[in-house]
Amino acid sequence: MNPVIGQCPICGDKLHVTRLHCRSCDTSIEGHFTLGRLYQLSPEQLRFIETFIKCEGKINRVEQEIGLSYPAVRSRLTEVIQAMGYEVGPPEPEITEEMRRQILHDLSAGKISSEEALQMLNAGN
């Protein structure tokens, strides 16, 4: 059995389901049915989402799985979010390697507590 597709293979527009069929009892139902947001994705985007879920949403694991850089994975995720009809939020602040080292230095020098260091490091994730 072929998987359900949500985009027209000719023009790329959304497909509309008008018939459902039960193979067990041979019942057919006709009408207008929605497929849901996931069916708006291309096959490539669906594979990406499967990988993302398999990696428990951890971008660093997705990077390793598909061999792309963090920015490339993040870009694909943004594309999928938009393709599903959602708005992408503002980018989270990234902590630089220099900032990370300074936080760890301050921690080892006793200038900040471990809780403060964790909070500062997690603010960039």
Protein backbone atom coordinates (compact mmCIF):
# COMPACT_ATOMS: atom_id res chain seq x y z
CA MET A 1 0.00 0.00 0.00
CA ASN A 2 1.32 3.46 -0.88
CA PRO A 3 1.65 6.15 1.80
CA VAL A 4 -0.82 9.03 1.78
CA ILE A 5 0.54 12.19 0.20
CA GLY A 6 -0.72 15.65 1.01
CA GLN A 7 0.68 17.61 -1.92
CA CYS A 8 -0.22 17.28 -5.58
CA PRO A 9 2.72 15.69 -7.40
CA ILE A 10 1.96 17.86 -10.46
CA CYS A 11 1.44 21.38 -9.10
CA GLY A 12 2.40 21.07 -5.42
CA ASP A 13 -0.94 22.34 -4.12
CA LYS A 14 -2.68 20.70 -1.15
CA LEU A 15 -4.68 17.55 -1.87
CA HIS A 16 -8.16 17.06 -0.39
CA VAL A 17 -9.40 13.68 0.74
CA THR A 18 -12.90 12.97 -0.54
CA ARG A 19 -13.23 9.23 0.10
CA LEU A 20 -12.37 6.83 2.92
CA HIS A 21 -12.59 3.07 2.50
CA CYS A 22 -12.54 0.17 4.98
CA ARG A 23 -10.84 -2.90 3.53
CA SER A 24 -12.30 -5.12 6.23
CA CYS A 25 -16.03 -4.52 5.63
CA ASP A 26 -15.85 -2.72 2.26
CA THR A 27 -17.55 0.41 3.62
CA SER A 28 -16.82 3.67 1.80
CA ILE A 29 -17.44 7.15 3.14
CA GLU A 30 -17.45 10.15 0.84
CA GLY A 31 -17.11 13.77 1.90
CA HIS A 32 -14.41 16.34 2.53
CA PHE A 33 -11.75 15.37 5.05
CA THR A 34 -8.62 17.10 6.27
CA LEU A 35 -5.26 15.37 6.31
CA GLY A 36 -3.61 17.41 9.03
CA ARG A 37 -0.50 19.56 9.04
CA LEU A 38 2.03 16.74 8.62
CA TYR A 39 0.61 15.89 5.21
CA GLN A 40 1.51 19.38 4.00
CA LEU A 41 5.17 18.40 4.16
CA SER A 42 7.27 17.11 1.28
CA PRO A 43 8.67 13.56 1.54
CA GLU A 44 12.09 15.04 2.37
CA GLN A 45 10.61 17.16 5.15
CA LEU A 46 8.77 14.13 6.56
CA ARG A 47 12.03 12.14 6.63
CA PHE A 48 13.66 15.04 8.47
CA ILE A 49 10.84 15.10 11.05
CA GLU A 50 11.12 11.33 11.53
CA THR A 51 14.84 11.74 12.19
CA PHE A 52 14.18 14.70 14.51
CA ILE A 53 11.70 12.64 16.55
CA LYS A 54 14.00 9.59 16.55
CA CYS A 55 16.75 11.83 17.96
CA GLU A 56 14.33 13.08 20.64
CA GLY A 57 14.47 16.62 19.29
CA LYS A 58 18.15 16.99 20.10
CA ILE A 59 19.70 18.98 17.28
CA ASN A 60 23.22 17.74 18.00
CA ARG A 61 22.03 14.14 17.51
CA VAL A 62 20.21 15.12 14.30
CA GLU A 63 23.48 16.68 13.09
CA GLN A 64 25.28 13.36 13.59
CA GLU A 65 22.45 11.29 12.09
CA ILE A 66 22.14 13.20 8.81
CA GLY A 67 25.61 14.74 8.60
CA LEU A 68 24.63 18.42 8.55
CA SER A 69 25.87 21.36 10.59
CA TYR A 70 23.84 22.90 13.41
CA PRO A 71 22.80 25.91 11.26
CA ALA A 72 21.69 23.59 8.43
CA VAL A 73 19.60 21.44 10.80
CA ARG A 74 18.11 24.55 12.39
CA SER A 75 17.29 25.93 8.93
CA ARG A 76 15.51 22.71 7.92
CA LEU A 77 13.54 22.74 11.15
CA THR A 78 12.49 26.34 10.47
CA GLU A 79 11.37 25.36 6.95
CA VAL A 80 9.26 22.51 8.33
CA ILE A 81 7.69 24.74 10.98
CA GLN A 82 6.72 27.25 8.28
CA ALA A 83 5.50 24.54 5.89
CA MET A 84 3.15 23.34 8.62
CA GLY A 85 1.66 26.83 8.82
CA TYR A 86 3.23 27.91 12.10
CA GLU A 87 5.18 31.08 12.77
CA VAL A 88 8.80 30.74 13.74
CA GLY A 89 9.71 32.45 16.99
CA PRO A 90 12.68 34.75 17.40
CA PRO A 91 16.04 32.99 17.49
CA GLU A 92 17.31 32.09 20.92
CA PRO A 93 20.52 33.78 21.98
CA GLU A 94 23.56 31.63 21.35
CA ILE A 95 26.39 31.51 23.82
CA THR A 96 29.80 31.81 22.21
CA GLU A 97 32.70 29.53 23.05
CA GLU A 98 34.51 32.51 24.57
CA MET A 99 31.51 33.27 26.81
CA ARG A 100 31.29 29.60 27.81
CA ARG A 101 34.98 29.58 28.78
CA GLN A 102 34.56 32.80 30.78
CA ILE A 103 31.63 31.30 32.70
CA LEU A 104 33.65 28.18 33.49
CA HIS A 105 36.63 30.34 34.50
CA ASP A 106 34.42 32.42 36.82
CA LEU A 107 33.01 29.21 38.29
CA SER A 108 36.46 27.74 38.97
CA ALA A 109 37.62 31.07 40.46
CA GLY A 110 34.63 31.08 42.82
CA LYS A 111 33.16 34.26 41.35
CA ILE A 112 29.84 32.52 40.58
CA SER A 113 28.05 29.49 42.02
CA SER A 114 27.46 26.28 40.10
CA GLU A 115 23.75 27.14 39.92
CA GLU A 116 24.55 30.53 38.39
CA ALA A 117 26.95 28.92 35.91
CA LEU A 118 24.31 26.38 34.86
CA GLN A 119 21.71 29.10 34.45
CA MET A 120 24.09 31.19 32.33
CA LEU A 121 25.11 28.22 30.18
CA ASN A 122 21.51 27.08 29.69
CA ALA A 123 20.41 30.60 28.72
CA GLY A 124 22.31 30.15 25.46
CA ASN A 125 20.62 26.84 24.52
